[in-house]
Amino acid sequence: SNRNSITSYADSVKGRFTISRDNAKNTVYLQMNSL
């Protein structure tokens, strides 16, 4: 939205998972820590 990324997480993964996107590569990532 307005060139800013807006994210949402399920409670079960908040603080452990991070979603991000690289528009130049048309790729979205999900970094999962403390699995």
All heavy atoms as atom14 arrays in JSON, in Angstrom:
{
  "sequence": "SNRNSITSYADSVKGRFTISRDNAKNTVYLQMNSL",
  "atom14_mask": [
    [1, 1, 1, 1, 1, 1, 0, 0, 0, 0, 0, 0, 0, 0],
    [1, 1, 1, 1, 1, 1, 1, 1, 0, 0, 0, 0, 0, 0],
    [1, 1, 1, 1, 1, 1, 1, 1, 1, 1, 1, 0, 0, 0],
    [1, 1, 1, 1, 1, 1, 1, 1, 0, 0, 0, 0, 0, 0],
    [1, 1, 1, 1, 1, 1, 0, 0, 0, 0, 0, 0, 0, 0],
    [1, 1, 1, 1, 1, 1, 1, 1, 0, 0, 0, 0, 0, 0],
    [1, 1, 1, 1, 1, 1, 1, 0, 0, 0, 0, 0, 0, 0],
    [1, 1, 1, 1, 1, 1, 0, 0, 0, 0, 0, 0, 0, 0],
    [1, 1, 1, 1, 1, 1, 1, 1, 1, 1, 1, 1, 0, 0],
    [1, 1, 1, 1, 1, 0, 0, 0, 0, 0, 0, 0, 0, 0],
    [1, 1, 1, 1, 1, 1, 1, 1, 0, 0, 0, 0, 0, 0],
    [1, 1, 1, 1, 1, 1, 0, 0, 0, 0, 0, 0, 0, 0],
    [1, 1, 1, 1, 1, 1, 1, 0, 0, 0, 0, 0, 0, 0],
    [1, 1, 1, 1, 1, 1, 1, 1, 1, 0, 0, 0, 0, 0],
    [1, 1, 1, 1, 0, 0, 0, 0, 0, 0, 0, 0, 0, 0],
    [1, 1, 1, 1, 1, 1, 1, 1, 1, 1, 1, 0, 0, 0],
    [1, 1, 1, 1, 1, 1, 1, 1, 1, 1, 1, 0, 0, 0],
    [1, 1, 1, 1, 1, 1, 1, 0, 0, 0, 0, 0, 0, 0],
    [1, 1, 1, 1, 1, 1, 1, 1, 0, 0, 0, 0, 0, 0],
    [1, 1, 1, 1, 1, 1, 0, 0, 0, 0, 0, 0, 0, 0],
    [1, 1, 1, 1, 1, 1, 1, 1, 1, 1, 1, 0, 0, 0],
    [1, 1, 1, 1, 1, 1, 1, 1, 0, 0, 0, 0, 0, 0],
    [1, 1, 1, 1, 1, 1, 1, 1, 0, 0, 0, 0, 0, 0],
    [1, 1, 1, 1, 1, 0, 0, 0, 0, 0, 0, 0, 0, 0],
    [1, 1, 1, 1, 1, 1, 1, 1, 1, 0, 0, 0, 0, 0],
    [1, 1, 1, 1, 1, 1, 1, 1, 0, 0, 0, 0, 0, 0],
    [1, 1, 1, 1, 1, 1, 1, 0, 0, 0, 0, 0, 0, 0],
    [1, 1, 1, 1, 1, 1, 1, 0, 0, 0, 0, 0, 0, 0],
    [1, 1, 1, 1, 1, 1, 1, 1, 1, 1, 1, 1, 0, 0],
    [1, 1, 1, 1, 1, 1, 1, 1, 0, 0, 0, 0, 0, 0],
    [1, 1, 1, 1, 1, 1, 1, 1, 1, 0, 0, 0, 0, 0],
    [1, 1, 1, 1, 1, 1, 1, 1, 0, 0, 0, 0, 0, 0],
    [1, 1, 1, 1, 1, 1, 1, 1, 0, 0, 0, 0, 0, 0],
    [1, 1, 1, 1, 1, 1, 0, 0, 0, 0, 0, 0, 0, 0],
    [1, 1, 1, 1, 1, 1, 1, 1, 0, 0, 0, 0, 0, 0]
  ],
  "atom14_positions": [
    [[0.85, -1.17, 0.0], [0.0, 0.0, 0.0], [0.89, 1.23, 0.0], [1.74, 1.37, 0.88], [-0.91, 0.02, 1.22], [-1.66, 1.21, 1.28], [0.0, 0.0, 0.0], [0.0, 0.0, 0.0], [0.0, 0.0, 0.0], [0.0, 0.0, 0.0], [0.0, 0.0, 0.0], [0.0, 0.0, 0.0], [0.0, 0.0, 0.0], [0.0, 0.0, 0.0]],
    [[0.69, 2.09, -0.99], [1.51, 3.3, -1.1], [3.0, 2.95, -1.04], [3.77, 3.61, -0.35], [1.16, 4.3, 0.0], [-0.24, 4.83, -0.13], [-0.74, 5.03, -1.23], [-0.88, 5.05, 1.0], [0.0, 0.0, 0.0], [0.0, 0.0, 0.0], [0.0, 0.0, 0.0], [0.0, 0.0, 0.0], [0.0, 0.0, 0.0], [0.0, 0.0, 0.0]],
    [[3.36, 1.89, -1.73], [4.75, 1.43, -1.84], [5.29, 0.89, -0.52], [6.48, 0.6, -0.42], [5.66, 2.54, -2.37], [5.27, 3.05, -3.74], [6.24, 4.06, -4.27], [5.85, 4.55, -5.58], [6.54, 5.44, -6.28], [7.66, 5.93, -5.8], [6.1, 5.82, -7.46], [0.0, 0.0, 0.0], [0.0, 0.0, 0.0], [0.0, 0.0, 0.0]],
    [[4.46, 0.77, 0.49], [4.9, 0.16, 1.75], [4.31, -1.23, 1.88], [3.17, -1.47, 1.47], [4.46, 1.02, 2.94], [5.11, 2.38, 2.94], [6.31, 2.5, 2.71], [4.33, 3.41, 3.18], [0.0, 0.0, 0.0], [0.0, 0.0, 0.0], [0.0, 0.0, 0.0], [0.0, 0.0, 0.0], [0.0, 0.0, 0.0], [0.0, 0.0, 0.0]],
    [[5.07, -2.11, 2.45], [4.58, -3.46, 2.68], [3.81, -3.52, 3.99], [4.24, -2.97, 5.0], [5.74, -4.44, 2.71], [6.3, -4.59, 1.43], [0.0, 0.0, 0.0], [0.0, 0.0, 0.0], [0.0, 0.0, 0.0], [0.0, 0.0, 0.0], [0.0, 0.0, 0.0], [0.0, 0.0, 0.0], [0.0, 0.0, 0.0], [0.0, 0.0, 0.0]],
    [[2.68, -4.2, 3.94], [1.87, -4.42, 5.14], [1.83, -5.91, 5.38], [1.59, -6.69, 4.46], [0.45, -3.87, 4.93], [0.51, -2.38, 4.58], [-0.39, -4.09, 6.18], [-0.82, -1.81, 4.17], [0.0, 0.0, 0.0], [0.0, 0.0, 0.0], [0.0, 0.0, 0.0], [0.0, 0.0, 0.0], [0.0, 0.0, 0.0], [0.0, 0.0, 0.0]],
    [[2.07, -6.31, 6.61], [2.16, -7.72, 6.91], [1.18, -8.12, 8.01], [0.73, -7.29, 8.8], [3.57, -8.11, 7.35], [3.91, -7.36, 8.54], [4.6, -7.77, 6.27], [0.0, 0.0, 0.0], [0.0, 0.0, 0.0], [0.0, 0.0, 0.0], [0.0, 0.0, 0.0], [0.0, 0.0, 0.0], [0.0, 0.0, 0.0], [0.0, 0.0, 0.0]],
    [[0.89, -9.4, 8.04], [0.02, -9.96, 9.07], [0.53, -11.35, 9.41], [1.05, -12.06, 8.53], [-1.42, -10.02, 8.57], [-2.27, -10.57, 9.55], [0.0, 0.0, 0.0], [0.0, 0.0, 0.0], [0.0, 0.0, 0.0], [0.0, 0.0, 0.0], [0.0, 0.0, 0.0], [0.0, 0.0, 0.0], [0.0, 0.0, 0.0], [0.0, 0.0, 0.0]],
    [[0.41, -11.72, 10.69], [0.91, -13.01, 11.14], [-0.13, -13.72, 12.0], [-0.87, -13.09, 12.76], [2.19, -12.84, 11.96], [3.34, -12.26, 11.2], [3.57, -10.89, 11.18], [4.21, -13.08, 10.5], [4.64, -10.35, 10.47], [5.28, -12.55, 9.79], [5.48, -11.19, 9.79], [6.54, -10.67, 9.09], [0.0, 0.0, 0.0], [0.0, 0.0, 0.0]],
    [[-0.11, -15.04, 11.92], [-0.89, -15.82, 12.88], [-0.21, -15.73, 14.24], [1.02, -15.59, 14.34], [-0.95, -17.28, 12.41], [0.0, 0.0, 0.0], [0.0, 0.0, 0.0], [0.0, 0.0, 0.0], [0.0, 0.0, 0.0], [0.0, 0.0, 0.0], [0.0, 0.0, 0.0], [0.0, 0.0, 0.0], [0.0, 0.0, 0.0], [0.0, 0.0, 0.0]],
    [[-1.0, -15.8, 15.3], [-0.44, -15.69, 16.65], [0.62, -16.76, 16.91], [1.59, -16.51, 17.63], [-1.55, -15.81, 17.69], [-2.45, -14.59, 17.73], [-2.04, -13.52, 17.2], [-3.55, -14.69, 18.28], [0.0, 0.0, 0.0], [0.0, 0.0, 0.0], [0.0, 0.0, 0.0], [0.0, 0.0, 0.0], [0.0, 0.0, 0.0], [0.0, 0.0, 0.0]],
    [[0.45, -17.91, 16.33], [1.35, -19.03, 16.6], [2.76, -18.81, 16.05], [3.69, -19.51, 16.47], [0.78, -20.32, 16.0], [0.59, -20.18, 14.61], [0.0, 0.0, 0.0], [0.0, 0.0, 0.0], [0.0, 0.0, 0.0], [0.0, 0.0, 0.0], [0.0, 0.0, 0.0], [0.0, 0.0, 0.0], [0.0, 0.0, 0.0], [0.0, 0.0, 0.0]],
    [[2.93, -17.85, 15.16], [4.25, -17.63, 14.56], [4.8, -16.22, 14.81], [5.94, -15.92, 14.42], [4.24, -17.91, 13.04], [3.72, -19.31, 12.76], [3.45, -16.87, 12.29], [0.0, 0.0, 0.0], [0.0, 0.0, 0.0], [0.0, 0.0, 0.0], [0.0, 0.0, 0.0], [0.0, 0.0, 0.0], [0.0, 0.0, 0.0], [0.0, 0.0, 0.0]],
    [[4.01, -15.37, 15.44], [4.48, -14.01, 15.7], [5.76, -14.02, 16.51], [5.9, -14.75, 17.48], [3.4, -13.22, 16.46], [2.3, -12.67, 15.59], [1.29, -11.89, 16.41], [0.17, -11.37, 15.53], [-0.88, -10.68, 16.33], [0.0, 0.0, 0.0], [0.0, 0.0, 0.0], [0.0, 0.0, 0.0], [0.0, 0.0, 0.0], [0.0, 0.0, 0.0]],
    [[6.7, -13.2, 16.08], [7.98, -13.12, 16.77], [8.99, -14.16, 16.31], [10.17, -14.06, 16.65], [0.0, 0.0, 0.0], [0.0, 0.0, 0.0], [0.0, 0.0, 0.0], [0.0, 0.0, 0.0], [0.0, 0.0, 0.0], [0.0, 0.0, 0.0], [0.0, 0.0, 0.0], [0.0, 0.0, 0.0], [0.0, 0.0, 0.0], [0.0, 0.0, 0.0]],
    [[8.53, -15.14, 15.55], [9.45, -16.19, 15.07], [9.58, -16.16, 13.54], [10.65, -16.46, 13.01], [8.96, -17.58, 15.5], [8.86, -17.76, 16.98], [8.56, -19.22, 17.35], [7.29, -19.67, 16.81], [7.15, -20.74, 16.02], [8.21, -21.43, 15.64], [5.95, -21.1, 15.59], [0.0, 0.0, 0.0], [0.0, 0.0, 0.0], [0.0, 0.0, 0.0]],
    [[8.51, -15.84, 12.85], [8.5, -15.83, 11.39], [8.46, -14.38, 10.89], [7.82, -13.52, 11.51], [7.29, -16.57, 10.83], [7.27, -18.05, 11.04], [8.19, -18.68, 11.87], [6.33, -18.84, 10.39], [8.17, -20.05, 12.05], [6.29, -20.21, 10.56], [7.23, -20.82, 11.4], [0.0, 0.0, 0.0], [0.0, 0.0, 0.0], [0.0, 0.0, 0.0]],
    [[9.11, -14.16, 9.76], [9.09, -12.85, 9.13], [8.84, -13.02, 7.64], [9.55, -13.77, 6.96], [10.42, -12.11, 9.34], [10.68, -11.98, 10.73], [10.37, -10.72, 8.72], [0.0, 0.0, 0.0], [0.0, 0.0, 0.0], [0.0, 0.0, 0.0], [0.0, 0.0, 0.0], [0.0, 0.0, 0.0], [0.0, 0.0, 0.0], [0.0, 0.0, 0.0]],
    [[7.84, -12.3, 7.14], [7.54, -12.33, 5.71], [8.09, -11.06, 5.07], [8.08, -9.99, 5.67], [6.01, -12.46, 5.48], [5.72, -12.77, 4.02], [5.27, -11.21, 5.94], [4.24, -13.15, 3.77], [0.0, 0.0, 0.0], [0.0, 0.0, 0.0], [0.0, 0.0, 0.0], [0.0, 0.0, 0.0], [0.0, 0.0, 0.0], [0.0, 0.0, 0.0]],
    [[8.59, -11.21, 3.86], [9.12, -10.06, 3.14], [8.97, -10.31, 1.64], [8.71, -11.43, 1.21], [10.59, -9.81, 3.49], [11.38, -10.93, 3.11], [0.0, 0.0, 0.0], [0.0, 0.0, 0.0], [0.0, 0.0, 0.0], [0.0, 0.0, 0.0], [0.0, 0.0, 0.0], [0.0, 0.0, 0.0], [0.0, 0.0, 0.0], [0.0, 0.0, 0.0]],
    [[9.1, -9.25, 0.86], [8.99, -9.43, -0.59], [10.05, -8.61, -1.3], [10.43, -7.53, -0.83], [7.59, -9.07, -1.08], [7.22, -7.61, -1.08], [5.7, -7.41, -1.25], [5.19, -8.03, -2.45], [3.88, -8.17, -2.71], [2.99, -7.76, -1.83], [3.48, -8.74, -3.82], [0.0, 0.0, 0.0], [0.0, 0.0, 0.0], [0.0, 0.0, 0.0]],
    [[10.51, -9.16, -2.42], [11.44, -8.47, -3.29], [10.7, -8.28, -4.62], [10.61, -9.23, -5.41], [12.71, -9.3, -3.47], [13.76, -8.6, -4.32], [13.39, -7.71, -5.12], [14.93, -8.95, -4.19], [0.0, 0.0, 0.0], [0.0, 0.0, 0.0], [0.0, 0.0, 0.0], [0.0, 0.0, 0.0], [0.0, 0.0, 0.0], [0.0, 0.0, 0.0]],
    [[10.14, -7.1, -4.82], [9.32, -6.88, -6.01], [10.13, -6.99, -7.29], [9.6, -7.39, -8.32], [8.63, -5.52, -5.94], [7.47, -5.53, -4.96], [6.9, -6.59, -4.68], [7.13, -4.37, -4.44], [0.0, 0.0, 0.0], [0.0, 0.0, 0.0], [0.0, 0.0, 0.0], [0.0, 0.0, 0.0], [0.0, 0.0, 0.0], [0.0, 0.0, 0.0]],
    [[11.41, -6.63, -7.24], [12.24, -6.72, -8.43], [12.38, -8.17, -8.88], [12.51, -8.45, -10.08], [13.61, -6.12, -8.16], [0.0, 0.0, 0.0], [0.0, 0.0, 0.0], [0.0, 0.0, 0.0], [0.0, 0.0, 0.0], [0.0, 0.0, 0.0], [0.0, 0.0, 0.0], [0.0, 0.0, 0.0], [0.0, 0.0, 0.0], [0.0, 0.0, 0.0]],
    [[12.34, -9.09, -7.93], [12.46, -10.51, -8.25], [11.11, -11.22, -8.25], [11.03, -12.43, -8.48], [13.39, -11.21, -7.26], [14.82, -10.72, -7.3], [15.69, -11.49, -6.31], [17.15, -11.04, -6.38], [18.0, -11.77, -5.41], [0.0, 0.0, 0.0], [0.0, 0.0, 0.0], [0.0, 0.0, 0.0], [0.0, 0.0, 0.0], [0.0, 0.0, 0.0]],
    [[10.04, -10.47, -7.95], [8.71, -11.08, -7.83], [8.74, -12.29, -6.91], [8.15, -13.34, -7.2], [8.18, -11.49, -9.2], [7.46, -10.34, -9.89], [7.31, -9.26, -9.33], [7.02, -10.59, -11.11], [0.0, 0.0, 0.0], [0.0, 0.0, 0.0], [0.0, 0.0, 0.0], [0.0, 0.0, 0.0], [0.0, 0.0, 0.0], [0.0, 0.0, 0.0]],
    [[9.39, -12.13, -5.78], [9.56, -13.24, -4.85], [9.18, -12.78, -3.44], [9.52, -11.67, -3.03], [11.0, -13.75, -4.87], [11.31, -14.21, -6.19], [11.17, -14.91, -3.89], [0.0, 0.0, 0.0], [0.0, 0.0, 0.0], [0.0, 0.0, 0.0], [0.0, 0.0, 0.0], [0.0, 0.0, 0.0], [0.0, 0.0, 0.0], [0.0, 0.0, 0.0]],
    [[8.48, -13.65, -2.75], [8.13, -13.42, -1.35], [8.84, -14.47, -0.52], [8.92, -15.64, -0.9], [6.61, -13.49, -1.14], [6.26, -13.45, 0.34], [5.93, -12.33, -1.87], [0.0, 0.0, 0.0], [0.0, 0.0, 0.0], [0.0, 0.0, 0.0], [0.0, 0.0, 0.0], [0.0, 0.0, 0.0], [0.0, 0.0, 0.0], [0.0, 0.0, 0.0]],
    [[9.37, -14.05, 0.61], [10.13, -14.94, 1.48], [9.41, -15.1, 2.82], [8.74, -14.19, 3.3], [11.52, -14.38, 1.73], [12.31, -14.11, 0.48], [12.38, -12.83, -0.07], [12.96, -15.15, -0.18], [13.09, -12.58, -1.22], [13.67, -14.91, -1.35], [13.73, -13.63, -1.86], [14.44, -13.39, -3.02], [0.0, 0.0, 0.0], [0.0, 0.0, 0.0]],
    [[9.61, -16.26, 3.41], [9.14, -16.49, 4.78], [10.34, -17.0, 5.57], [10.77, -18.14, 5.4], [8.0, -17.5, 4.81], [7.38, -17.71, 6.2], [6.63, -16.45, 6.65], [6.43, -18.9, 6.2], [0.0, 0.0, 0.0], [0.0, 0.0, 0.0], [0.0, 0.0, 0.0], [0.0, 0.0, 0.0], [0.0, 0.0, 0.0], [0.0, 0.0, 0.0]],
    [[10.9, -16.12, 6.38], [12.01, -16.5, 7.25], [11.43, -17.09, 8.52], [10.67, -16.42, 9.23], [12.88, -15.27, 7.58], [14.02, -15.57, 8.53], [15.07, -16.48, 7.92], [15.45, -16.31, 6.76], [15.54, -17.45, 8.69], [0.0, 0.0, 0.0], [0.0, 0.0, 0.0], [0.0, 0.0, 0.0], [0.0, 0.0, 0.0], [0.0, 0.0, 0.0]],
    [[11.79, -18.33, 8.8], [11.24, -19.04, 9.95], [12.37, -19.35, 10.93], [13.3, -20.09, 10.58], [10.56, -20.33, 9.49], [9.51, -20.11, 8.4], [8.59, -21.61, 7.99], [9.9, -22.63, 7.32], [0.0, 0.0, 0.0], [0.0, 0.0, 0.0], [0.0, 0.0, 0.0], [0.0, 0.0, 0.0], [0.0, 0.0, 0.0], [0.0, 0.0, 0.0]],
    [[12.29, -18.76, 12.1], [13.3, -18.97, 13.14], [12.68, -19.68, 14.33], [11.46, -19.73, 14.47], [13.88, -17.63, 13.58], [14.59, -16.9, 12.46], [15.15, -17.5, 11.55], [14.57, -15.57, 12.52], [0.0, 0.0, 0.0], [0.0, 0.0, 0.0], [0.0, 0.0, 0.0], [0.0, 0.0, 0.0], [0.0, 0.0, 0.0], [0.0, 0.0, 0.0]],
    [[13.52, -20.2, 15.2], [13.05, -20.87, 16.42], [11.97, -21.9, 16.09], [10.92, -21.95, 16.74], [12.52, -19.84, 17.42], [13.52, -18.9, 17.73], [0.0, 0.0, 0.0], [0.0, 0.0, 0.0], [0.0, 0.0, 0.0], [0.0, 0.0, 0.0], [0.0, 0.0, 0.0], [0.0, 0.0, 0.0], [0.0, 0.0, 0.0], [0.0, 0.0, 0.0]],
    [[12.25, -22.7, 15.11], [11.24, -23.66, 14.65], [10.94, -24.71, 15.71], [11.82, -25.12, 16.48], [11.69, -24.32, 13.35], [11.53, -23.43, 12.1], [12.37, -23.93, 10.96], [10.05, -23.36, 11.71], [0.0, 0.0, 0.0], [0.0, 0.0, 0.0], [0.0, 0.0, 0.0], [0.0, 0.0, 0.0], [0.0, 0.0, 0.0], [0.0, 0.0, 0.0]]
  ]
}
